[in-house]
């Protein structure tokens, strides 16, 4: 939301059809299984609005060193060919992890810009 406020860009919150559990350990376990199985959780959102944009900032918390499941679904199903994608990740030590490589793999016909990694516990002080 800091980036959205600073840039004035539109915001699309990706909502999975089945919400994730609120318990941290349960979400961590589920996210690990989803990544290992290549599961892409279905989204409630329509992704049609993506066609209006040339540059898309792709933000996610780091889940097992890459994008969260709903973001992987977005990257795999939205019409992103020819778009410029700029990733940013919140993490607690993994940095961008494999997110840039995963982004190139999931969106080979997109232009990928350098990403930004922000430690999640420091987001409030990371405005600069």
N, C-alpha and C. Protein backbone atom coordinates (compact mmCIF):
# COMPACT_ATOMS: atom_id res chain seq x y z
N UNK A 1 0.82 -1.20 0.00
CA UNK A 1 0.00 0.00 0.00
C UNK A 1 0.87 1.26 0.00
N UNK A 2 2.09 1.18 0.58
CA UNK A 2 3.01 2.33 0.51
C UNK A 2 3.33 2.66 -0.94
N UNK A 3 3.64 1.64 -1.73
CA UNK A 3 3.99 1.86 -3.14
C UNK A 3 2.79 2.44 -3.89
N UNK A 4 1.62 1.93 -3.60
CA UNK A 4 0.42 2.45 -4.25
C UNK A 4 0.21 3.92 -3.90
N UNK A 5 0.42 4.27 -2.64
CA UNK A 5 0.25 5.66 -2.22
C UNK A 5 1.30 6.57 -2.86
N UNK A 6 2.52 6.09 -2.98
CA UNK A 6 3.60 6.89 -3.56
C UNK A 6 3.48 7.06 -5.06
N UNK A 7 2.95 6.07 -5.74
CA UNK A 7 2.88 6.12 -7.20
C UNK A 7 1.52 6.54 -7.74
N UNK A 8 0.48 6.38 -6.93
CA UNK A 8 -0.87 6.67 -7.40
C UNK A 8 -1.42 5.60 -8.31
N UNK A 9 -0.74 4.46 -8.37
CA UNK A 9 -1.19 3.38 -9.26
C UNK A 9 -2.49 2.74 -8.74
N UNK A 10 -3.19 2.09 -9.64
CA UNK A 10 -4.38 1.34 -9.24
C UNK A 10 -3.93 0.10 -8.48
N UNK A 11 -4.82 -0.45 -7.69
CA UNK A 11 -4.50 -1.60 -6.84
C UNK A 11 -5.49 -2.72 -7.10
N UNK A 12 -4.99 -3.92 -7.27
CA UNK A 12 -5.84 -5.10 -7.41
C UNK A 12 -5.41 -6.09 -6.34
N UNK A 13 -6.25 -6.28 -5.33
CA UNK A 13 -6.01 -7.30 -4.31
C UNK A 13 -6.49 -8.62 -4.88
N UNK A 14 -5.61 -9.60 -4.93
CA UNK A 14 -5.96 -10.93 -5.45
C UNK A 14 -6.61 -11.74 -4.35
N UNK A 15 -7.84 -12.15 -4.57
CA UNK A 15 -8.58 -12.90 -3.56
C UNK A 15 -8.81 -14.34 -4.02
N UNK A 16 -8.26 -15.30 -3.27
CA UNK A 16 -8.53 -16.70 -3.63
C UNK A 16 -9.99 -17.06 -3.35
N UNK A 17 -10.54 -17.97 -4.14
CA UNK A 17 -11.91 -18.42 -3.93
C UNK A 17 -12.06 -18.97 -2.52
N UNK A 18 -11.10 -19.78 -2.10
CA UNK A 18 -11.09 -20.32 -0.74
C UNK A 18 -10.07 -19.53 0.07
N UNK A 19 -10.51 -18.76 1.05
CA UNK A 19 -9.58 -17.95 1.83
C UNK A 19 -8.54 -18.83 2.56
N UNK A 20 -7.37 -18.26 2.74
CA UNK A 20 -6.33 -18.96 3.49
C UNK A 20 -6.66 -18.91 4.98
N UNK A 21 -6.22 -19.92 5.72
CA UNK A 21 -6.44 -19.90 7.18
C UNK A 21 -5.72 -18.71 7.80
N UNK A 22 -6.19 -18.26 8.93
CA UNK A 22 -5.58 -17.12 9.62
C UNK A 22 -4.38 -17.55 10.47
N UNK A 23 -4.32 -18.81 10.86
CA UNK A 23 -3.24 -19.32 11.69
C UNK A 23 -1.95 -19.39 10.88
N UNK A 24 -0.90 -18.75 11.37
CA UNK A 24 0.36 -18.64 10.64
C UNK A 24 0.94 -20.00 10.26
N UNK A 25 1.06 -20.90 11.22
CA UNK A 25 1.67 -22.20 10.94
C UNK A 25 0.87 -22.99 9.90
N UNK A 26 -0.44 -22.87 9.94
CA UNK A 26 -1.29 -23.58 8.98
C UNK A 26 -1.09 -23.02 7.58
N UNK A 27 -1.00 -21.70 7.47
CA UNK A 27 -0.77 -21.07 6.17
C UNK A 27 0.60 -21.47 5.63
N UNK A 28 1.61 -21.48 6.49
CA UNK A 28 2.96 -21.85 6.07
C UNK A 28 2.97 -23.27 5.51
N UNK A 29 2.31 -24.17 6.19
CA UNK A 29 2.24 -25.57 5.75
C UNK A 29 1.49 -25.68 4.42
N UNK A 30 0.36 -25.00 4.32
CA UNK A 30 -0.43 -25.03 3.09
C UNK A 30 0.35 -24.43 1.92
N UNK A 31 1.03 -23.32 2.16
CA UNK A 31 1.81 -22.67 1.10
C UNK A 31 2.93 -23.58 0.61
N UNK A 32 3.56 -24.28 1.51
CA UNK A 32 4.63 -25.20 1.13
C UNK A 32 4.09 -26.31 0.22
N UNK A 33 2.96 -26.89 0.60
CA UNK A 33 2.35 -27.95 -0.21
C UNK A 33 1.95 -27.42 -1.59
N UNK A 34 1.34 -26.24 -1.62
CA UNK A 34 0.92 -25.65 -2.90
C UNK A 34 2.11 -25.44 -3.82
N UNK A 35 3.21 -24.92 -3.26
CA UNK A 35 4.40 -24.69 -4.08
C UNK A 35 4.95 -26.01 -4.61
N UNK A 36 5.06 -27.01 -3.74
CA UNK A 36 5.60 -28.31 -4.14
C UNK A 36 4.75 -28.98 -5.22
N UNK A 37 3.44 -28.82 -5.13
CA UNK A 37 2.52 -29.46 -6.06
C UNK A 37 2.22 -28.61 -7.29
N UNK A 38 2.72 -27.37 -7.31
CA UNK A 38 2.43 -26.48 -8.44
C UNK A 38 0.97 -26.04 -8.47
N UNK A 39 0.31 -26.08 -7.31
CA UNK A 39 -1.11 -25.72 -7.23
C UNK A 39 -1.27 -24.21 -7.39
N UNK A 40 -2.23 -23.82 -8.23
CA UNK A 40 -2.57 -22.41 -8.42
C UNK A 40 -3.98 -22.20 -7.90
N UNK A 41 -4.12 -21.55 -6.74
CA UNK A 41 -5.46 -21.36 -6.18
C UNK A 41 -6.33 -20.49 -7.08
N UNK A 42 -7.56 -20.93 -7.36
CA UNK A 42 -8.46 -20.11 -8.17
C UNK A 42 -8.73 -18.77 -7.50
N UNK A 43 -8.90 -17.74 -8.31
CA UNK A 43 -9.14 -16.39 -7.81
C UNK A 43 -10.59 -15.97 -8.01
N UNK A 44 -11.08 -15.15 -7.09
CA UNK A 44 -12.41 -14.54 -7.24
C UNK A 44 -12.37 -13.42 -8.27
N UNK A 45 -11.23 -12.78 -8.39
CA UNK A 45 -11.08 -11.58 -9.21
C UNK A 45 -11.19 -11.85 -10.71
N UNK A 46 -11.75 -10.89 -11.41
CA UNK A 46 -11.64 -10.86 -12.86
C UNK A 46 -10.30 -10.18 -13.16
N UNK A 47 -9.57 -10.71 -14.12
CA UNK A 47 -8.27 -10.15 -14.45
C UNK A 47 -8.32 -9.34 -15.75
N UNK A 48 -9.51 -9.07 -16.24
CA UNK A 48 -9.68 -8.35 -17.50
C UNK A 48 -9.07 -6.95 -17.48
N UNK A 49 -9.06 -6.31 -16.32
CA UNK A 49 -8.55 -4.94 -16.21
C UNK A 49 -7.08 -4.83 -16.58
N UNK A 50 -6.35 -5.93 -16.55
CA UNK A 50 -4.91 -5.93 -16.84
C UNK A 50 -4.62 -5.39 -18.23
N UNK A 51 -5.54 -5.56 -19.15
CA UNK A 51 -5.33 -5.12 -20.53
C UNK A 51 -5.12 -3.62 -20.64
N UNK A 52 -5.55 -2.85 -19.66
CA UNK A 52 -5.44 -1.38 -19.70
C UNK A 52 -4.04 -0.87 -19.38
N UNK A 53 -3.15 -1.75 -18.89
CA UNK A 53 -1.87 -1.31 -18.36
C UNK A 53 -0.70 -1.84 -19.16
N UNK A 54 0.33 -1.01 -19.28
CA UNK A 54 1.58 -1.43 -19.92
C UNK A 54 2.60 -1.88 -18.89
N UNK A 55 2.56 -1.28 -17.69
CA UNK A 55 3.48 -1.60 -16.61
C UNK A 55 2.66 -2.09 -15.42
N UNK A 56 3.08 -3.23 -14.87
CA UNK A 56 2.36 -3.81 -13.73
C UNK A 56 3.36 -4.09 -12.62
N UNK A 57 3.11 -3.51 -11.46
CA UNK A 57 3.91 -3.78 -10.28
C UNK A 57 3.32 -5.02 -9.63
N UNK A 58 4.13 -6.04 -9.45
CA UNK A 58 3.65 -7.33 -8.94
C UNK A 58 4.18 -7.50 -7.52
N UNK A 59 3.31 -7.33 -6.54
CA UNK A 59 3.72 -7.41 -5.14
C UNK A 59 3.22 -8.65 -4.45
N UNK A 60 4.04 -9.15 -3.53
CA UNK A 60 3.67 -10.38 -2.82
C UNK A 60 4.52 -10.51 -1.56
N UNK A 61 3.96 -11.18 -0.55
CA UNK A 61 4.84 -11.64 0.52
C UNK A 61 5.63 -12.83 -0.02
N UNK A 62 6.78 -13.08 0.53
CA UNK A 62 7.55 -14.26 0.13
C UNK A 62 6.96 -15.48 0.82
N UNK A 63 6.52 -16.43 0.02
CA UNK A 63 6.05 -17.71 0.54
C UNK A 63 7.01 -18.76 0.00
N UNK A 64 7.84 -19.28 0.89
CA UNK A 64 8.83 -20.28 0.52
C UNK A 64 9.74 -19.77 -0.58
N UNK A 65 10.14 -18.50 -0.46
CA UNK A 65 11.14 -17.93 -1.35
C UNK A 65 10.64 -17.47 -2.69
N UNK A 66 9.33 -17.37 -2.87
CA UNK A 66 8.78 -16.89 -4.14
C UNK A 66 7.43 -16.22 -3.89
N UNK A 67 6.70 -15.98 -4.96
CA UNK A 67 5.39 -15.32 -4.87
C UNK A 67 4.38 -16.22 -4.15
N UNK A 68 3.45 -15.60 -3.45
CA UNK A 68 2.34 -16.32 -2.82
C UNK A 68 1.48 -16.98 -3.90
N UNK A 69 0.77 -18.03 -3.53
CA UNK A 69 -0.06 -18.78 -4.47
C UNK A 69 -0.98 -17.93 -5.33
N UNK A 70 -1.76 -17.02 -4.73
CA UNK A 70 -2.65 -16.21 -5.57
C UNK A 70 -1.90 -15.36 -6.60
N UNK A 71 -0.71 -14.92 -6.27
CA UNK A 71 0.08 -14.13 -7.22
C UNK A 71 0.59 -15.04 -8.33
N UNK A 72 0.99 -16.25 -8.00
CA UNK A 72 1.39 -17.21 -9.05
C UNK A 72 0.22 -17.50 -9.99
N UNK A 73 -1.00 -17.59 -9.42
CA UNK A 73 -2.18 -17.78 -10.26
C UNK A 73 -2.34 -16.60 -11.22
N UNK A 74 -2.24 -15.39 -10.69
CA UNK A 74 -2.34 -14.18 -11.51
C UNK A 74 -1.32 -14.21 -12.64
N UNK A 75 -0.06 -14.49 -12.30
CA UNK A 75 1.02 -14.49 -13.29
C UNK A 75 0.81 -15.56 -14.35
N UNK A 76 0.17 -16.65 -13.98
CA UNK A 76 -0.04 -17.77 -14.90
C UNK A 76 -1.28 -17.61 -15.77
N UNK A 77 -2.22 -16.78 -15.35
CA UNK A 77 -3.51 -16.73 -16.06
C UNK A 77 -3.86 -15.37 -16.67
N UNK A 78 -3.26 -14.29 -16.17
CA UNK A 78 -3.57 -12.97 -16.72
C UNK A 78 -2.87 -12.78 -18.07
N UNK A 79 -3.42 -11.93 -18.88
CA UNK A 79 -2.85 -11.64 -20.21
C UNK A 79 -1.69 -10.65 -20.04
N UNK A 80 -0.50 -11.17 -19.79
CA UNK A 80 0.65 -10.32 -19.48
C UNK A 80 1.69 -10.24 -20.59
N UNK A 81 1.43 -10.89 -21.72
CA UNK A 81 2.37 -10.83 -22.84
C UNK A 81 2.58 -9.38 -23.26
N UNK A 82 3.84 -8.98 -23.42
CA UNK A 82 4.16 -7.63 -23.84
C UNK A 82 4.13 -6.59 -22.74
N UNK A 83 3.73 -6.97 -21.54
CA UNK A 83 3.68 -6.04 -20.41
C UNK A 83 5.06 -5.94 -19.76
N UNK A 84 5.32 -4.84 -19.09
CA UNK A 84 6.51 -4.69 -18.27
C UNK A 84 6.10 -5.01 -16.84
N UNK A 85 6.80 -5.96 -16.22
CA UNK A 85 6.47 -6.41 -14.87
C UNK A 85 7.60 -6.02 -13.91
N UNK A 86 7.22 -5.44 -12.78
CA UNK A 86 8.18 -5.01 -11.77
C UNK A 86 7.80 -5.69 -10.45
N UNK A 87 8.60 -6.69 -10.03
CA UNK A 87 8.25 -7.41 -8.80
C UNK A 87 8.71 -6.70 -7.53
N UNK A 88 7.93 -6.85 -6.47
CA UNK A 88 8.39 -6.45 -5.14
C UNK A 88 7.88 -7.48 -4.14
N UNK A 89 8.72 -7.77 -3.17
CA UNK A 89 8.46 -8.86 -2.22
C UNK A 89 8.73 -8.36 -0.80
N UNK A 90 7.86 -8.73 0.12
CA UNK A 90 8.18 -8.56 1.53
C UNK A 90 8.66 -9.92 2.02
N UNK A 91 9.66 -9.91 2.87
CA UNK A 91 10.29 -11.16 3.31
C UNK A 91 10.84 -10.99 4.72
N UNK A 92 11.32 -12.06 5.28
CA UNK A 92 11.99 -12.00 6.58
C UNK A 92 13.37 -12.63 6.50
N UNK A 93 14.01 -12.52 5.35
CA UNK A 93 15.38 -13.00 5.22
C UNK A 93 15.71 -13.61 3.88
N UNK A 94 14.70 -13.92 3.07
CA UNK A 94 14.97 -14.58 1.79
C UNK A 94 15.18 -13.60 0.64
N UNK A 95 15.01 -12.32 0.87
CA UNK A 95 15.11 -11.34 -0.21
C UNK A 95 14.11 -11.66 -1.30
N UNK A 96 14.49 -11.47 -2.53
CA UNK A 96 13.61 -11.79 -3.66
C UNK A 96 13.52 -13.29 -3.90
N UNK A 97 14.46 -14.06 -3.33
CA UNK A 97 14.43 -15.51 -3.50
C UNK A 97 14.42 -15.88 -4.97
N UNK A 98 13.56 -16.82 -5.33
CA UNK A 98 13.46 -17.27 -6.72
C UNK A 98 12.39 -16.50 -7.50
N UNK A 99 11.81 -15.46 -6.90
CA UNK A 99 10.73 -14.72 -7.56
C UNK A 99 11.12 -14.17 -8.94
N UNK A 100 12.30 -13.54 -9.12
CA UNK A 100 12.62 -13.05 -10.47
C UNK A 100 12.71 -14.18 -11.50
N UNK A 101 13.33 -15.28 -11.13
CA UNK A 101 13.42 -16.42 -12.07
C UNK A 101 12.04 -17.02 -12.33
N UNK A 102 11.23 -17.12 -11.29
CA UNK A 102 9.87 -17.64 -11.46
C UNK A 102 9.05 -16.72 -12.35
N UNK A 103 9.24 -15.42 -12.19
CA UNK A 103 8.52 -14.44 -13.02
C UNK A 103 8.91 -14.61 -14.48
N UNK A 104 10.20 -14.77 -14.76
CA UNK A 104 10.64 -14.98 -16.15
C UNK A 104 10.07 -16.29 -16.71
N UNK A 105 9.99 -17.31 -15.88
CA UNK A 105 9.46 -18.61 -16.33
C UNK A 105 7.96 -18.52 -16.58
N UNK A 106 7.22 -17.87 -15.70
CA UNK A 106 5.76 -17.78 -15.82
C UNK A 106 5.32 -16.78 -16.89
N UNK A 107 6.15 -15.78 -17.15
CA UNK A 107 5.77 -14.71 -18.08
C UNK A 107 6.90 -14.47 -19.09
N UNK A 108 7.19 -15.46 -19.92
CA UNK A 108 8.33 -15.34 -20.84
C UNK A 108 8.17 -14.26 -21.90
N UNK A 109 6.96 -13.84 -22.18
CA UNK A 109 6.74 -12.82 -23.21
C UNK A 109 6.56 -11.43 -22.61
N UNK A 110 6.95 -11.28 -21.34
CA UNK A 110 6.88 -9.98 -20.66
C UNK A 110 8.29 -9.47 -20.44
N UNK A 111 8.40 -8.16 -20.29
CA UNK A 111 9.69 -7.56 -19.94
C UNK A 111 9.74 -7.48 -18.42
N UNK A 112 10.80 -8.02 -17.83
CA UNK A 112 10.92 -8.08 -16.37
C UNK A 112 11.95 -7.04 -15.92
N UNK A 113 11.54 -6.18 -15.03
CA UNK A 113 12.44 -5.15 -14.46
C UNK A 113 13.02 -5.67 -13.14
N UNK A 114 14.04 -4.96 -12.66
CA UNK A 114 14.67 -5.30 -11.39
C UNK A 114 13.64 -5.21 -10.27
N UNK A 115 13.72 -6.15 -9.34
CA UNK A 115 12.76 -6.20 -8.25
C UNK A 115 13.22 -5.46 -7.00
N UNK A 116 12.31 -5.33 -6.07
CA UNK A 116 12.56 -4.69 -4.79
C UNK A 116 12.18 -5.68 -3.69
N UNK A 117 13.11 -5.90 -2.77
CA UNK A 117 12.84 -6.76 -1.61
C UNK A 117 12.85 -5.88 -0.36
N UNK A 118 11.81 -5.98 0.44
CA UNK A 118 11.71 -5.21 1.68
C UNK A 118 11.42 -6.18 2.82
N UNK A 119 12.23 -6.10 3.86
CA UNK A 119 11.99 -6.95 5.03
C UNK A 119 10.63 -6.57 5.61
N UNK A 120 9.76 -7.56 5.76
CA UNK A 120 8.40 -7.32 6.20
C UNK A 120 8.30 -6.59 7.53
N UNK A 121 9.19 -6.92 8.45
CA UNK A 121 9.16 -6.27 9.77
C UNK A 121 9.60 -4.81 9.70
N UNK A 122 10.11 -4.39 8.55
CA UNK A 122 10.59 -3.01 8.39
C UNK A 122 9.77 -2.22 7.37
N UNK A 123 8.66 -2.75 6.95
CA UNK A 123 7.86 -2.08 5.92
C UNK A 123 7.46 -0.68 6.34
N UNK A 124 7.02 -0.51 7.58
CA UNK A 124 6.56 0.81 8.01
C UNK A 124 7.65 1.86 7.92
N UNK A 125 8.92 1.47 8.09
CA UNK A 125 10.03 2.42 8.00
C UNK A 125 10.70 2.44 6.64
N UNK A 126 10.14 1.71 5.67
CA UNK A 126 10.77 1.57 4.36
C UNK A 126 10.24 2.54 3.32
N UNK A 127 9.49 3.50 3.72
CA UNK A 127 8.88 4.43 2.77
C UNK A 127 9.89 5.10 1.86
N UNK A 128 11.06 5.45 2.39
CA UNK A 128 12.10 6.10 1.58
C UNK A 128 12.60 5.17 0.51
